[in-house]
PDB file of N, CA and C in Angstrom:
ATOM      1  N   MET A   1     101.240  97.636  66.779  1.00  0.00           N
ATOM      2  CA  MET A   1     100.646  98.360  67.887  1.00  0.00           C
ATOM      3  C   MET A   1      99.637  99.368  67.339  1.00  0.00           C
ATOM      4  N   MET A   2      98.536  99.485  68.032  1.00  0.00           N
ATOM      5  CA  MET A   2      97.524 100.459  67.660  1.00  0.00           C
ATOM      6  C   MET A   2      98.041 101.871  67.921  1.00  0.00           C
ATOM      7  N   GLU A   3      97.382 102.838  67.311  1.00  0.00           N
ATOM      8  CA  GLU A   3      97.631 104.237  67.610  1.00  0.00           C
ATOM      9  C   GLU A   3      96.443 104.755  68.406  1.00  0.00           C
ATOM     10  N   LEU A   4      96.660 105.804  69.184  1.00  0.00           N
ATOM     11  CA  LEU A   4      95.577 106.345  70.005  1.00  0.00           C
ATOM     12  C   LEU A   4      94.339 106.672  69.177  1.00  0.00           C
ATOM     13  N   LYS A   5      94.543 107.245  67.992  1.00  0.00           N
ATOM     14  CA  LYS A   5      93.398 107.630  67.163  1.00  0.00           C
ATOM     15  C   LYS A   5      92.554 106.429  66.741  1.00  0.00           C
ATOM     16  N   GLU A   6      93.150 105.257  66.741  1.00  0.00           N
ATOM     17  CA  GLU A   6      92.406 104.048  66.375  1.00  0.00           C
ATOM     18  C   GLU A   6      91.483 103.563  67.491  1.00  0.00           C
ATOM     19  N   THR A   7      91.579 104.166  68.659  1.00  0.00           N
ATOM     20  CA  THR A   7      90.742 103.759  69.792  1.00  0.00           C
ATOM     21  C   THR A   7      89.532 104.670  69.978  1.00  0.00           C
ATOM     22  N   ILE A   8      89.423 105.708  69.173  1.00  0.00           N
ATOM     23  CA  ILE A   8      88.351 106.697  69.351  1.00  0.00           C
ATOM     24  C   ILE A   8      86.974 106.061  69.234  1.00  0.00           C
ATOM     25  N   GLU A   9      86.760 105.289  68.202  1.00  0.00           N
ATOM     26  CA  GLU A   9      85.449 104.659  68.004  1.00  0.00           C
ATOM     27  C   GLU A   9      85.107 103.730  69.166  1.00  0.00           C
ATOM     28  N   MET A  10      86.094 102.967  69.624  1.00  0.00           N
ATOM     29  CA  MET A  10      85.867 102.069  70.753  1.00  0.00           C
ATOM     30  C   MET A  10      85.493 102.856  72.010  1.00  0.00           C
ATOM     31  N   MET A  11      86.148 104.001  72.225  1.00  0.00           N
ATOM     32  CA  MET A  11      85.888 104.824  73.406  1.00  0.00           C
ATOM     33  C   MET A  11      84.469 105.373  73.407  1.00  0.00           C
ATOM     34  N   GLN A  12      83.900 105.546  72.241  1.00  0.00           N
ATOM     35  CA  GLN A  12      82.568 106.131  72.128  1.00  0.00           C
ATOM     36  C   GLN A  12      81.461 105.081  72.072  1.00  0.00           C
ATOM     37  N   SER A  13      81.829 103.833  72.179  1.00  0.00           N
ATOM     38  CA  SER A  13      80.864 102.746  72.094  1.00  0.00           C
ATOM     39  C   SER A  13      79.890 102.755  73.271  1.00  0.00           C
ATOM     40  N   GLU A  14      78.699 102.268  73.011  1.00  0.00           N
ATOM     41  CA  GLU A  14      77.710 102.072  74.077  1.00  0.00           C
ATOM     42  C   GLU A  14      78.074 100.844  74.922  1.00  0.00           C
ATOM     43  N   ASP A  15      78.856  99.952  74.353  1.00  0.00           N
ATOM     44  CA  ASP A  15      79.246  98.697  75.008  1.00  0.00           C
ATOM     45  C   ASP A  15      80.451  98.939  75.927  1.00  0.00           C
ATOM     46  N   TYR A  16      80.266  98.703  77.217  1.00  0.00           N
ATOM     47  CA  TYR A  16      81.350  98.964  78.161  1.00  0.00           C
ATOM     48  C   TYR A  16      82.573  98.106  77.873  1.00  0.00           C
ATOM     49  N   LYS A  17      82.374  96.933  77.271  1.00  0.00           N
ATOM     50  CA  LYS A  17      83.524  96.079  76.964  1.00  0.00           C
ATOM     51  C   LYS A  17      84.397  96.729  75.890  1.00  0.00           C
ATOM     52  N   GLU A  18      83.785  97.385  74.938  1.00  0.00           N
ATOM     53  CA  GLU A  18      84.549  98.085  73.907  1.00  0.00           C
ATOM     54  C   GLU A  18      85.292  99.278  74.514  1.00  0.00           C
ATOM     55  N   ARG A  19      84.638 100.007  75.405  1.00  0.00           N
ATOM     56  CA  ARG A  19      85.297 101.130  76.081  1.00  0.00           C
ATOM     57  C   ARG A  19      86.444 100.628  76.958  1.00  0.00           C
ATOM     58  N   PHE A  20      86.236  99.475  77.596  1.00  0.00           N
ATOM     59  CA  PHE A  20      87.270  98.855  78.416  1.00  0.00           C
ATOM     60  C   PHE A  20      88.486  98.522  77.553  1.00  0.00           C
ATOM     61  N   LYS A  21      88.237  97.905  76.398  1.00  0.00           N
ATOM     62  CA  LYS A  21      89.336  97.560  75.485  1.00  0.00           C
ATOM     63  C   LYS A  21      90.089  98.810  75.041  1.00  0.00           C
ATOM     64  N   ALA A  22      89.341  99.875  74.759  1.00  0.00           N
ATOM     65  CA  ALA A  22      89.978 101.133  74.348  1.00  0.00           C
ATOM     66  C   ALA A  22      90.885 101.651  75.459  1.00  0.00           C
ATOM     67  N   GLU A  23      90.397 101.613  76.681  1.00  0.00           N
ATOM     68  CA  GLU A  23      91.194 102.066  77.824  1.00  0.00           C
ATOM     69  C   GLU A  23      92.470 101.240  77.949  1.00  0.00           C
ATOM     70  N   TYR A  24      92.342  99.931  77.821  1.00  0.00           N
ATOM     71  CA  TYR A  24      93.489  99.037  77.902  1.00  0.00           C
ATOM     72  C   TYR A  24      94.510  99.363  76.808  1.00  0.00           C
ATOM     73  N   HIS A  25      94.033  99.489  75.583  1.00  0.00           N
ATOM     74  CA  HIS A  25      94.944  99.764  74.462  1.00  0.00           C
ATOM     75  C   HIS A  25      95.582 101.148  74.588  1.00  0.00           C
ATOM     76  N   GLN A  26      94.813 102.136  75.027  1.00  0.00           N
ATOM     77  CA  GLN A  26      95.366 103.476  75.204  1.00  0.00           C
ATOM     78  C   GLN A  26      96.486 103.470  76.246  1.00  0.00           C
ATOM     79  N   LEU A  27      96.241 102.788  77.344  1.00  0.00           N
ATOM     80  CA  LEU A  27      97.264 102.714  78.380  1.00  0.00           C
ATOM     81  C   LEU A  27      98.506 101.989  77.868  1.00  0.00           C
ATOM     82  N   GLY A  28      98.312 100.894  77.143  1.00  0.00           N
ATOM     83  CA  GLY A  28      99.442 100.169  76.569  1.00  0.00           C
ATOM     84  C   GLY A  28     100.268 101.033  75.626  1.00  0.00           C
ATOM     85  N   ILE A  29      99.588 101.822  74.816  1.00  0.00           N
ATOM     86  CA  ILE A  29     100.269 102.736  73.895  1.00  0.00           C
ATOM     87  C   ILE A  29     101.080 103.759  74.679  1.00  0.00           C
ATOM     88  N   ARG A  30     100.478 104.313  75.700  1.00  0.00           N
ATOM     89  CA  ARG A  30     101.161 105.333  76.503  1.00  0.00           C
ATOM     90  C   ARG A  30     102.372 104.763  77.246  1.00  0.00           C
ATOM     91  N   VAL A  31     102.236 103.558  77.767  1.00  0.00           N
ATOM     92  CA  VAL A  31     103.367 102.915  78.453  1.00  0.00           C
ATOM     93  C   VAL A  31     104.511 102.689  77.469  1.00  0.00           C
ATOM     94  N   THR A  32     104.186 102.178  76.299  1.00  0.00           N
ATOM     95  CA  THR A  32     105.214 101.920  75.286  1.00  0.00           C
ATOM     96  C   THR A  32     105.920 103.208  74.882  1.00  0.00           C
ATOM     97  N   LYS A  33     105.152 104.258  74.654  1.00  0.00           N
ATOM     98  CA  LYS A  33     105.756 105.534  74.242  1.00  0.00           C
ATOM     99  C   LYS A  33     106.612 106.131  75.358  1.00  0.00           C
ATOM    100  N   LEU A  34     106.155 106.015  76.591  1.00  0.00           N
ATOM    101  CA  LEU A  34     106.942 106.538  77.704  1.00  0.00           C
ATOM    102  C   LEU A  34     108.224 105.728  77.880  1.00  0.00           C
ATOM    103  N   ARG A  35     108.131 104.425  77.746  1.00  0.00           N
ATOM    104  CA  ARG A  35     109.346 103.588  77.842  1.00  0.00           C
ATOM    105  C   ARG A  35     110.342 103.957  76.747  1.00  0.00           C
ATOM    106  N   ASP A  36     109.844 104.154  75.528  1.00  0.00           N
ATOM    107  CA  ASP A  36     110.721 104.556  74.423  1.00  0.00           C
ATOM    108  C   ASP A  36     111.382 105.901  74.711  1.00  0.00           C
ATOM    109  N   PHE A  37     110.593 106.831  75.263  1.00  0.00           N
ATOM    110  CA  PHE A  37     111.114 108.152  75.608  1.00  0.00           C
ATOM    111  C   PHE A  37     112.208 108.038  76.663  1.00  0.00           C
ATOM    112  N   VAL A  38     111.954 107.266  77.705  1.00  0.00           N
ATOM    113  CA  VAL A  38     112.937 107.079  78.780  1.00  0.00           C
ATOM    114  C   VAL A  38     114.200 106.422  78.233  1.00  0.00           C
ATOM    115  N   ASP A  39     114.034 105.458  77.335  1.00  0.00           N
ATOM    116  CA  ASP A  39     115.188 104.792  76.727  1.00  0.00           C
ATOM    117  C   ASP A  39     116.044 105.806  75.954  1.00  0.00           C
ATOM    118  N   LYS A  40     115.398 106.651  75.183  1.00  0.00           N
ATOM    119  CA  LYS A  40     116.139 107.680  74.441  1.00  0.00           C
ATOM    120  C   LYS A  40     116.787 108.682  75.394  1.00  0.00           C
ATOM    121  N   TYR A  41     116.081 109.002  76.456  1.00  0.00           N
ATOM    122  CA  TYR A  41     116.610 109.912  77.480  1.00  0.00           C
ATOM    123  C   TYR A  41     117.891 109.332  78.068  1.00  0.00           C
ATOM    124  N   GLU A  42     117.851 108.049  78.440  1.00  0.00           N
ATOM    125  CA  GLU A  42     119.022 107.388  79.025  1.00  0.00           C
ATOM    126  C   GLU A  42     120.207 107.351  78.070  1.00  0.00           C
ATOM    127  N   LYS A  43     119.914 107.191  76.789  1.00  0.00           N
ATOM    128  CA  LYS A  43     120.973 107.108  75.781  1.00  0.00           C
ATOM    129  C   LYS A  43     121.450 108.476  75.306  1.00  0.00           C
ATOM    130  N   GLY A  44     120.826 109.545  75.800  1.00  0.00           N
ATOM    131  CA  GLY A  44     121.202 110.888  75.374  1.00  0.00           C
ATOM    132  C   GLY A  44     120.789 111.182  73.945  1.00  0.00           C
ATOM    133  N   GLU A  45     119.715 110.548  73.478  1.00  0.00           N
ATOM    134  CA  GLU A  45     119.279 110.693  72.091  1.00  0.00           C
ATOM    135  C   GLU A  45     118.151 111.704  71.889  1.00  0.00           C
ATOM    136  N   LEU A  46     117.783 112.428  72.944  1.00  0.00           N
ATOM    137  CA  LEU A  46     116.727 113.434  72.805  1.00  0.00           C
ATOM    138  C   LEU A  46     117.337 114.727  72.267  1.00  0.00           C
ATOM    139  N   ASN A  47     116.547 115.464  71.500  1.00  0.00           N
ATOM    140  CA  ASN A  47     117.047 116.725  70.957  1.00  0.00           C
ATOM    141  C   ASN A  47     116.656 117.916  71.839  1.00  0.00           C
ATOM    142  N   PHE A  48     116.305 117.625  73.093  1.00  0.00           N
ATOM    143  CA  PHE A  48     115.989 118.658  74.068  1.00  0.00           C
ATOM    144  C   PHE A  48     116.257 118.096  75.468  1.00  0.00           C
ATOM    145  N   LYS A  49     116.270 118.978  76.457  1.00  0.00           N
ATOM    146  CA  LYS A  49     116.472 118.550  77.841  1.00  0.00           C
ATOM    147  C   LYS A  49     115.119 118.554  78.549  1.00  0.00           C
ATOM    148  N   PRO A  50     114.615 117.376  78.928  1.00  0.00           N
ATOM    149  CA  PRO A  50     113.331 117.310  79.634  1.00  0.00           C
ATOM    150  C   PRO A  50     113.397 118.035  80.986  1.00  0.00           C
ATOM    151  N   ASP A  51     112.272 118.607  81.384  1.00  0.00           N
ATOM    152  CA  ASP A  51     112.189 119.262  82.690  1.00  0.00           C
ATOM    153  C   ASP A  51     112.153 118.239  83.821  1.00  0.00           C
ATOM    154  N   CYS A  52     111.547 117.080  83.566  1.00  0.00           N
ATOM    155  CA  CYS A  52     111.427 116.028  84.583  1.00  0.00           C
ATOM    156  C   CYS A  52     112.692 115.177  84.609  1.00  0.00           C
ATOM    157  N   SER A  53     113.003 114.701  85.784  1.00  0.00           N
ATOM    158  CA  SER A  53     114.148 113.792  85.895  1.00  0.00           C
ATOM    159  C   SER A  53     113.774 112.431  85.321  1.00  0.00           C
ATOM    160  N   ILE A  54     114.776 111.705  84.931  1.00  0.00           N
ATOM    161  CA  ILE A  54     114.551 110.357  84.423  1.00  0.00           C
ATOM    162  C   ILE A  54     113.968 109.469  85.524  1.00  0.00           C
ATOM    163  N   THR A  55     114.349 109.742  86.763  1.00  0.00           N
ATOM    164  CA  THR A  55     113.831 108.982  87.903  1.00  0.00           C
ATOM    165  C   THR A  55     112.326 109.160  88.026  1.00  0.00           C
ATOM    166  N   LEU A  56     111.860 110.384  87.878  1.00  0.00           N
ATOM    167  CA  LEU A  56     110.426 110.649  87.950  1.00  0.00           C
ATOM    168  C   LEU A  56     109.682 109.942  86.822  1.00  0.00           C
ATOM    169  N   LEU A  57     110.232 110.014  85.621  1.00  0.00           N
ATOM    170  CA  LEU A  57     109.589 109.363  84.475  1.00  0.00           C
ATOM    171  C   LEU A  57     109.541 107.848  84.639  1.00  0.00           C
ATOM    172  N   LYS A  58     110.631 107.268  85.142  1.00  0.00           N
ATOM    173  CA  LYS A  58     110.633 105.828  85.408  1.00  0.00           C
ATOM    174  C   LYS A  58     109.604 105.481  86.480  1.00  0.00           C
ATOM    175  N   GLY A  59     109.482 106.362  87.477  1.00  0.00           N
ATOM    176  CA  GLY A  59     108.494 106.160  88.526  1.00  0.00           C
ATOM    177  C   GLY A  59     107.072 106.215  87.997  1.00  0.00           C
ATOM    178  N   GLN A  60     106.846 106.977  86.965  1.00  0.00           N
ATOM    179  CA  GLN A  60     105.523 107.051  86.355  1.00  0.00           C
ATOM    180  C   GLN A  60     105.163 105.733  85.666  1.00  0.00           C
ATOM    181  N   ILE A  61     106.139 105.076  85.096  1.00  0.00           N
ATOM    182  CA  ILE A  61     105.895 103.821  84.375  1.00  0.00           C
ATOM    183  C   ILE A  61     105.382 102.741  85.319  1.00  0.00           C
ATOM    184  N   VAL A  62     105.880 102.712  86.536  1.00  0.00           N
ATOM    185  CA  VAL A  62     105.533 101.651  87.489  1.00  0.00           C
ATOM    186  C   VAL A  62     104.022 101.568  87.740  1.00  0.00           C
ATOM    187  N   PRO A  63     103.366 102.647  88.174  1.00  0.00           N
ATOM    188  CA  PRO A  63     101.920 102.524  88.414  1.00  0.00           C
ATOM    189  C   PRO A  63     101.122 102.303  87.121  1.00  0.00           C
ATOM    190  N   MET A  64     101.644 102.805  86.017  1.00  0.00           N
ATOM    191  CA  MET A  64     100.957 102.568  84.744  1.00  0.00           C
ATOM    192  C   MET A  64     100.947 101.072  84.420  1.00  0.00           C
ATOM    193  N   CYS A  65     102.067 100.414  84.662  1.00  0.00           N
ATOM    194  CA  CYS A  65     102.154  98.965  84.403  1.00  0.00           C
ATOM    195  C   CYS A  65     101.292  98.179  85.381  1.00  0.00           C
ATOM    196  N   ILE A  66     101.243  98.633  86.625  1.00  0.00           N
ATOM    197  CA  ILE A  66     100.370  97.978  87.604  1.00  0.00           C
ATOM    198  C   ILE A  66      98.920  98.093  87.152  1.00  0.00           C
ATOM    199  N   TYR A  67      98.529  99.268  86.715  1.00  0.00           N
ATOM    200  CA  TYR A  67      97.170  99.494  86.223  1.00  0.00           C
ATOM    201  C   TYR A  67      96.884  98.607  85.013  1.00  0.00           C
ATOM    202  N   LEU A  68      97.853  98.473  84.119  1.00  0.00           N
ATOM    203  CA  LEU A  68      97.696  97.603  82.954  1.00  0.00           C
ATOM    204  C   LEU A  68      97.466  96.164  83.401  1.00  0.00           C
ATOM    205  N   ASP A  69      98.209  95.711  84.387  1.00  0.00           N
ATOM    206  CA  ASP A  69      98.029  94.354  84.923  1.00  0.00           C
ATOM    207  C   ASP A  69      96.647  94.180  85.549  1.00  0.00           C
ATOM    208  N   VAL A  70      96.172  95.209  86.246  1.00  0.00           N
ATOM    209  CA  VAL A  70      94.835  95.159  86.843  1.00  0.00           C
ATOM    210  C   VAL A  70      93.783  95.032  85.741  1.00  0.00           C
ATOM    211  N   LEU A  71      93.943  95.793  84.677  1.00  0.00           N
ATOM    212  CA  LEU A  71      92.996  95.704  83.562  1.00  0.00           C
ATOM    213  C   LEU A  71      93.021  94.320  82.916  1.00  0.00           C
ATOM    214  N   LYS A  72      94.209  93.736  82.766  1.00  0.00           N
ATOM    215  CA  LYS A  72      94.314  92.383  82.204  1.00  0.00           C
ATOM    216  C   LYS A  72      93.573  91.374  83.070  1.00  0.00           C
ATOM    217  N   GLU A  73      93.777  91.470  84.383  1.00  0.00           N
ATOM    218  CA  GLU A  73      93.114  90.541  85.303  1.00  0.00           C
ATOM    219  C   GLU A  73      91.603  90.718  85.255  1.00  0.00           C
ATOM    220  N   ARG A  74      91.165  91.954  85.258  1.00  0.00           N
ATOM    221  CA  ARG A  74      89.727  92.222  85.179  1.00  0.00           C
ATOM    222  C   ARG A  74      89.149  91.682  83.870  1.00  0.00           C
ATOM    223  N   ALA A  75      89.890  91.836  82.784  1.00  0.00           N
ATOM    224  CA  ALA A  75      89.422  91.325  81.495  1.00  0.00           C
ATOM    225  C   ALA A  75      89.237  89.812  81.544  1.00  0.00           C
ATOM    226  N   LYS A  76      90.171  89.112  82.189  1.00  0.00           N
ATOM    227  CA  LYS A  76      90.035  87.657  82.338  1.00  0.00           C
ATOM    228  C   LYS A  76      88.766  87.311  83.101  1.00  0.00           C
ATOM    229  N   ILE A  77      88.556  88.003  84.210  1.00  0.00           N
ATOM    230  CA  ILE A  77      87.402  87.726  85.067  1.00  0.00           C
ATOM    231  C   ILE A  77      86.095  88.011  84.338  1.00  0.00           C
ATOM    232  N   GLU A  78      86.066  89.103  83.567  1.00  0.00           N
ATOM    233  CA  GLU A  78      84.848  89.514  82.897  1.00  0.00           C
ATOM    234  C   GLU A  78      84.686  88.935  81.488  1.00  0.00           C
ATOM    235  N   GLY A  79      85.648  88.126  81.069  1.00  0.00           N
ATOM    236  CA  GLY A  79      85.559  87.493  79.753  1.00  0.00           C
ATOM    237  C   GLY A  79      85.694  88.475  78.604  1.00  0.00           C
ATOM    238  N   ILE A  80      86.550  89.477  78.767  1.00  0.00           N
ATOM    239  CA  ILE A  80      86.763  90.485  77.725  1.00  0.00           C
ATOM    240  C   ILE A  80      88.019  90.114  76.944  1.00  0.00           C
ATOM    241  N   GLN A  81      87.862  89.913  75.647  1.00  0.00           N
ATOM    242  CA  GLN A  81      88.996  89.611  74.781  1.00  0.00           C
ATOM    243  C   GLN A  81      89.721  90.907  74.442  1.00  0.00           C
ATOM    244  N   LEU A  82      90.971  91.029  74.833  1.00  0.00           N
ATOM    245  CA  LEU A  82      91.723  92.260  74.619  1.00  0.00           C
ATOM    246  C   LEU A  82      92.432  92.325  73.278  1.00  0.00           C
ATOM    247  N   LYS A  83      92.634  91.227  72.638  1.00  0.00           N
ATOM    248  CA  LYS A  83      93.374  91.208  71.359  1.00  0.00           C
ATOM    249  C   LYS A  83      92.470  91.570  70.214  1.00  0.00           C
TER     250      LYS A  83
END
Protein backbone atom coordinates (compact mmCIF):
# COMPACT_ATOMS: atom_id res chain seq x y z
CA MET A 1 0.00 0.00 0.00
CA MET A 2 1.19 3.49 -0.80
CA GLU A 3 1.73 6.09 1.89
CA LEU A 4 0.16 9.54 1.71
CA LYS A 5 3.55 11.18 1.19
CA GLU A 6 4.03 9.08 -1.94
CA THR A 7 1.05 10.82 -3.55
CA ILE A 8 2.40 14.37 -3.23
CA GLU A 9 4.04 14.50 -6.65
CA MET A 10 0.94 13.06 -8.30
CA MET A 11 -1.25 15.67 -6.55
CA GLN A 12 0.89 18.46 -7.97
CA SER A 13 0.82 17.16 -11.53
CA GLU A 14 -0.51 19.25 -14.40
CA ASP A 15 -2.21 16.07 -15.67
CA TYR A 16 -5.67 15.66 -14.17
CA LYS A 17 -5.39 11.89 -14.51
CA GLU A 18 -2.38 11.88 -12.19
CA ARG A 19 -4.22 14.09 -9.69
CA PHE A 20 -7.22 11.76 -9.98
CA LYS A 21 -5.01 8.75 -9.20
CA ALA A 22 -3.55 10.59 -6.20
CA GLU A 23 -7.05 11.32 -4.90
CA TYR A 24 -8.04 7.68 -5.33
CA HIS A 25 -4.93 6.38 -3.56
CA GLN A 26 -5.22 8.93 -0.75
CA LEU A 27 -8.81 7.93 -0.10
CA GLY A 28 -7.88 4.24 -0.17
CA ILE A 29 -5.12 4.86 2.36
CA ARG A 30 -7.47 6.77 4.63
CA VAL A 31 -10.17 4.09 4.44
CA THR A 32 -7.65 1.37 5.29
CA LYS A 33 -6.25 3.33 8.23
CA LEU A 34 -9.72 4.13 9.56
CA ARG A 35 -10.78 0.48 9.26
CA ASP A 36 -7.64 -0.58 11.13
CA PHE A 37 -8.37 2.01 13.82
CA VAL A 38 -11.98 0.84 14.20
CA ASP A 39 -10.80 -2.77 14.38
CA LYS A 40 -8.39 -1.91 17.20
CA TYR A 41 -11.12 0.12 18.89
CA GLU A 42 -13.49 -2.87 18.79
CA LYS A 43 -10.81 -5.16 20.21
CA GLY A 44 -9.94 -2.72 23.01
CA GLU A 45 -6.38 -2.42 21.69
CA LEU A 46 -6.14 1.39 21.69
CA ASN A 47 -3.97 3.06 24.30
CA PHE A 48 -6.48 5.91 24.67
CA LYS A 49 -10.24 6.45 24.71
CA PRO A 50 -11.47 8.08 21.48
CA ASP A 51 -13.91 10.98 21.80
CA CYS A 52 -16.02 9.65 18.91
CA SER A 53 -18.18 6.60 19.25
CA ILE A 54 -17.33 3.52 17.27
CA THR A 55 -20.72 3.88 15.58
CA LEU A 56 -19.80 7.32 14.27
CA LEU A 57 -16.44 6.09 13.00
CA LYS A 58 -18.06 3.12 11.26
CA GLY A 59 -20.56 5.53 9.74
CA GLN A 60 -17.70 7.58 8.35
CA ILE A 61 -16.31 4.54 6.52
CA VAL A 62 -19.55 4.01 4.57
CA PRO A 63 -19.54 7.24 2.50
CA MET A 64 -15.78 6.99 2.06
CA CYS A 65 -16.20 3.55 0.47
CA ILE A 66 -19.05 4.82 -1.70
CA TYR A 67 -16.81 7.66 -2.88
CA LEU A 68 -14.03 5.15 -3.60
CA ASP A 69 -16.45 3.11 -5.72
CA VAL A 70 -17.51 6.26 -7.59
CA LEU A 71 -13.86 7.04 -8.34
CA LYS A 72 -13.30 3.47 -9.59
CA GLU A 73 -16.29 3.72 -11.92
CA ARG A 74 -15.20 7.11 -13.20
CA ALA A 75 -11.70 5.75 -13.81
CA LYS A 76 -13.16 2.95 -15.94
CA ILE A 77 -15.22 5.41 -17.97
CA GLU A 78 -12.32 7.82 -18.45
CA GLY A 79 -9.71 5.13 -19.13
CA ILE A 80 -7.60 5.97 -16.07
CA GLN A 81 -5.36 3.14 -14.87
CA LEU A 82 -5.42 3.20 -11.07
CA LYS A 83 -2.78 0.55 -10.40
